[in-house]
C-alpha cells in the first residue's frame, strides 16, 4: 500500500518534516516515491511553515494513496490558509 506521511529531518530540538509518498513497508525516514511538500512546526513569524503541492496530492489520492492522520490534519490546515 502507498501512504502519504511525514518524514523527519532537522536536528535535535529543531524538527523539520517532509511530506512524502512512500510504500507502507519502508521505514519512516527511508526511501520514498515523491516529495509533496514540507512542514516546519517551529517556523518563525514571516517564514513559510507549510507547503503542499495540491495537484500532486490530488493525483496520489486518486490512485489510492492513503494519508496518515497527521497529514490529513495538515491538508485541512493548508486548505484553510489558501482560502
N, C-alpha and C. Protein backbone atom coordinates (compact mmCIF):
# COMPACT_ATOMS: atom_id res chain seq x y z
N UNK A 1 0.84 -1.18 0.00
CA UNK A 1 0.00 0.00 0.00
C UNK A 1 0.89 1.24 0.00
N UNK A 2 0.42 2.26 -0.70
CA UNK A 2 1.13 3.53 -0.77
C UNK A 2 0.50 4.50 0.22
N UNK A 3 1.33 5.18 1.00
CA UNK A 3 0.84 6.11 2.02
C UNK A 3 1.49 7.48 1.84
N UNK A 4 0.78 8.50 2.30
CA UNK A 4 1.31 9.86 2.34
C UNK A 4 1.57 10.16 3.81
N UNK A 5 2.83 10.39 4.15
CA UNK A 5 3.18 10.57 5.56
C UNK A 5 4.32 11.56 5.72
N UNK A 6 4.66 11.81 6.97
CA UNK A 6 5.75 12.73 7.28
C UNK A 6 7.06 11.97 7.42
N UNK A 7 8.13 12.57 6.95
CA UNK A 7 9.48 12.04 7.10
C UNK A 7 10.29 13.09 7.84
N UNK A 8 10.86 12.74 8.99
CA UNK A 8 11.51 13.72 9.85
C UNK A 8 12.92 14.04 9.39
N UNK A 9 13.23 15.32 9.50
CA UNK A 9 14.58 15.80 9.24
C UNK A 9 14.92 16.82 10.31
N UNK A 10 15.95 17.59 10.09
CA UNK A 10 16.33 18.60 11.06
C UNK A 10 17.21 18.03 12.15
N UNK A 11 17.51 18.85 13.13
CA UNK A 11 18.37 18.42 14.22
C UNK A 11 17.56 18.23 15.49
N UNK A 12 18.24 17.79 16.53
CA UNK A 12 17.58 17.57 17.81
C UNK A 12 17.03 18.89 18.33
N UNK A 13 15.74 18.91 18.66
CA UNK A 13 15.11 20.12 19.16
C UNK A 13 14.62 21.07 18.08
N UNK A 14 14.96 20.81 16.81
CA UNK A 14 14.51 21.65 15.68
C UNK A 14 13.97 20.76 14.57
N UNK A 15 12.80 20.16 14.78
CA UNK A 15 12.27 19.22 13.78
C UNK A 15 11.85 19.92 12.49
N UNK A 16 11.96 19.18 11.41
CA UNK A 16 11.52 19.61 10.09
C UNK A 16 11.00 18.37 9.39
N UNK A 17 9.84 18.45 8.78
CA UNK A 17 9.23 17.27 8.19
C UNK A 17 8.99 17.47 6.70
N UNK A 18 9.30 16.45 5.92
CA UNK A 18 8.93 16.42 4.52
C UNK A 18 7.66 15.60 4.40
N UNK A 19 6.73 16.04 3.57
CA UNK A 19 5.52 15.28 3.30
C UNK A 19 5.83 14.44 2.07
N UNK A 20 5.85 13.12 2.25
CA UNK A 20 6.29 12.22 1.18
C UNK A 20 5.26 11.14 0.89
N UNK A 21 5.36 10.60 -0.32
CA UNK A 21 4.59 9.43 -0.73
C UNK A 21 5.56 8.26 -0.65
N UNK A 22 5.19 7.23 0.10
CA UNK A 22 6.10 6.10 0.29
C UNK A 22 5.32 4.80 0.40
N UNK A 23 6.02 3.71 0.22
CA UNK A 23 5.44 2.40 0.46
C UNK A 23 5.30 2.22 1.97
N UNK A 24 4.22 1.63 2.39
CA UNK A 24 3.95 1.47 3.83
C UNK A 24 5.02 0.65 4.54
N UNK A 25 5.66 -0.27 3.82
CA UNK A 25 6.64 -1.17 4.44
C UNK A 25 8.00 -0.54 4.68
N UNK A 26 8.24 0.63 4.07
CA UNK A 26 9.54 1.30 4.20
C UNK A 26 9.56 2.11 5.50
N UNK A 27 10.73 2.16 6.14
CA UNK A 27 10.85 2.89 7.41
C UNK A 27 10.53 4.37 7.24
N UNK A 28 10.24 5.04 8.34
CA UNK A 28 9.75 6.42 8.33
C UNK A 28 10.63 7.38 7.54
N UNK A 29 11.93 7.35 7.77
CA UNK A 29 12.83 8.30 7.12
C UNK A 29 13.58 7.65 5.96
N UNK A 30 13.07 6.54 5.47
CA UNK A 30 13.76 5.81 4.42
C UNK A 30 13.37 6.26 3.02
N UNK A 31 13.44 5.33 2.10
CA UNK A 31 13.17 5.59 0.69
C UNK A 31 11.73 6.06 0.49
N UNK A 32 11.54 6.99 -0.42
CA UNK A 32 10.19 7.46 -0.73
C UNK A 32 10.04 7.58 -2.24
N UNK A 33 8.79 7.69 -2.69
CA UNK A 33 8.49 7.76 -4.12
C UNK A 33 8.55 9.21 -4.61
N UNK A 34 7.90 10.10 -3.86
CA UNK A 34 7.86 11.51 -4.27
C UNK A 34 7.70 12.40 -3.04
N UNK A 35 8.31 13.57 -3.09
CA UNK A 35 8.17 14.56 -2.03
C UNK A 35 7.10 15.55 -2.46
N UNK A 36 6.06 15.71 -1.63
CA UNK A 36 4.93 16.58 -1.96
C UNK A 36 5.04 17.97 -1.34
N UNK A 37 5.82 18.11 -0.29
CA UNK A 37 5.92 19.40 0.37
C UNK A 37 6.68 19.28 1.67
N UNK A 38 6.47 20.26 2.54
CA UNK A 38 7.16 20.24 3.83
C UNK A 38 6.29 20.85 4.91
N UNK A 39 6.67 20.58 6.16
CA UNK A 39 6.01 21.14 7.33
C UNK A 39 7.10 21.49 8.33
N UNK A 40 7.11 22.77 8.75
CA UNK A 40 8.09 23.24 9.73
C UNK A 40 7.33 23.72 10.96
N UNK A 41 7.21 22.88 12.01
CA UNK A 41 6.43 23.27 13.18
C UNK A 41 7.04 24.40 14.00
N UNK A 42 8.32 24.70 13.82
CA UNK A 42 8.97 25.75 14.60
C UNK A 42 9.30 26.96 13.72
N UNK A 43 8.50 27.18 12.66
CA UNK A 43 8.74 28.32 11.77
C UNK A 43 8.51 29.62 12.52
N UNK A 44 9.40 30.56 12.31
CA UNK A 44 9.28 31.88 12.92
C UNK A 44 8.26 32.71 12.15
N UNK A 45 7.89 33.83 12.73
CA UNK A 45 6.97 34.76 12.08
C UNK A 45 7.58 35.22 10.75
N UNK A 46 6.82 35.14 9.69
CA UNK A 46 7.31 35.54 8.38
C UNK A 46 7.90 34.40 7.57
N UNK A 47 8.20 33.26 8.20
CA UNK A 47 8.71 32.10 7.48
C UNK A 47 7.53 31.23 7.06
N UNK A 48 7.73 30.53 5.95
CA UNK A 48 6.69 29.61 5.49
C UNK A 48 6.77 28.33 6.32
N UNK A 49 5.67 27.94 6.94
CA UNK A 49 5.67 26.77 7.80
C UNK A 49 5.10 25.52 7.16
N UNK A 50 4.34 25.69 6.07
CA UNK A 50 3.68 24.54 5.46
C UNK A 50 3.51 24.79 3.97
N UNK A 51 3.90 23.82 3.16
CA UNK A 51 3.67 23.89 1.71
C UNK A 51 3.34 22.48 1.22
N UNK A 52 2.25 22.37 0.46
CA UNK A 52 1.85 21.09 -0.11
C UNK A 52 1.51 21.33 -1.58
N UNK A 53 2.03 20.48 -2.46
CA UNK A 53 1.69 20.55 -3.89
C UNK A 53 0.31 19.90 -4.06
N UNK A 54 -0.72 20.73 -4.15
CA UNK A 54 -2.10 20.23 -4.18
C UNK A 54 -2.38 19.37 -5.41
N UNK A 55 -1.80 19.70 -6.56
CA UNK A 55 -2.06 18.91 -7.76
C UNK A 55 -1.52 17.49 -7.62
N UNK A 56 -0.31 17.36 -7.08
CA UNK A 56 0.29 16.04 -6.89
C UNK A 56 -0.42 15.26 -5.78
N UNK A 57 -0.89 15.97 -4.75
CA UNK A 57 -1.65 15.35 -3.68
C UNK A 57 -2.94 14.76 -4.24
N UNK A 58 -3.64 15.52 -5.09
CA UNK A 58 -4.88 15.04 -5.70
C UNK A 58 -4.61 13.81 -6.57
N UNK A 59 -3.48 13.83 -7.29
CA UNK A 59 -3.14 12.67 -8.13
C UNK A 59 -2.93 11.42 -7.28
N UNK A 60 -2.13 11.53 -6.25
CA UNK A 60 -1.83 10.35 -5.44
C UNK A 60 -3.06 9.82 -4.72
N UNK A 61 -3.93 10.72 -4.27
CA UNK A 61 -5.17 10.26 -3.63
C UNK A 61 -6.07 9.57 -4.66
N UNK A 62 -6.06 10.05 -5.92
CA UNK A 62 -6.90 9.45 -6.96
C UNK A 62 -6.45 8.03 -7.32
N UNK A 63 -5.17 7.74 -7.14
CA UNK A 63 -4.69 6.39 -7.44
C UNK A 63 -4.66 5.49 -6.20
N UNK A 64 -5.22 5.97 -5.08
CA UNK A 64 -5.42 5.12 -3.92
C UNK A 64 -4.48 5.29 -2.75
N UNK A 65 -3.63 6.31 -2.76
CA UNK A 65 -2.73 6.52 -1.62
C UNK A 65 -3.53 6.99 -0.42
N UNK A 66 -3.20 6.48 0.75
CA UNK A 66 -3.87 6.85 2.00
C UNK A 66 -2.98 7.81 2.79
N UNK A 67 -3.59 8.89 3.25
CA UNK A 67 -2.84 9.87 4.05
C UNK A 67 -2.90 9.48 5.52
N UNK A 68 -1.81 9.75 6.24
CA UNK A 68 -1.80 9.50 7.67
C UNK A 68 -2.70 10.53 8.36
N UNK A 69 -3.14 10.27 9.59
CA UNK A 69 -4.00 11.24 10.29
C UNK A 69 -3.35 12.62 10.43
N UNK A 70 -2.06 12.67 10.68
CA UNK A 70 -1.38 13.95 10.82
C UNK A 70 -1.35 14.70 9.50
N UNK A 71 -1.09 13.98 8.41
CA UNK A 71 -1.07 14.61 7.10
C UNK A 71 -2.47 15.09 6.73
N UNK A 72 -3.51 14.34 7.09
CA UNK A 72 -4.88 14.79 6.85
C UNK A 72 -5.13 16.13 7.55
N UNK A 73 -4.67 16.24 8.78
CA UNK A 73 -4.83 17.49 9.53
C UNK A 73 -4.08 18.63 8.85
N UNK A 74 -2.88 18.37 8.35
CA UNK A 74 -2.09 19.40 7.68
C UNK A 74 -2.72 19.80 6.35
N UNK A 75 -3.34 18.86 5.65
CA UNK A 75 -4.01 19.17 4.38
C UNK A 75 -5.16 20.13 4.63
N UNK A 76 -5.93 19.87 5.68
CA UNK A 76 -7.04 20.76 6.03
C UNK A 76 -6.51 22.14 6.42
N UNK A 77 -5.40 22.17 7.14
CA UNK A 77 -4.79 23.43 7.56
C UNK A 77 -4.31 24.21 6.33
N UNK A 78 -3.72 23.53 5.35
CA UNK A 78 -3.22 24.20 4.14
C UNK A 78 -4.38 24.73 3.32
N UNK A 79 -5.49 23.99 3.26
CA UNK A 79 -6.67 24.45 2.52
C UNK A 79 -7.25 25.70 3.18
N UNK A 80 -7.22 25.73 4.50
CA UNK A 80 -7.74 26.90 5.24
C UNK A 80 -6.86 28.14 4.98
N UNK A 81 -5.55 27.93 4.89
CA UNK A 81 -4.62 29.04 4.62
C UNK A 81 -4.81 29.58 3.20
N UNK A 82 -5.08 28.67 2.26
CA UNK A 82 -5.23 29.06 0.86
C UNK A 82 -6.53 29.83 0.63
N UNK A 83 -7.54 29.55 1.44
CA UNK A 83 -8.84 30.21 1.25
C UNK A 83 -8.90 31.59 1.85
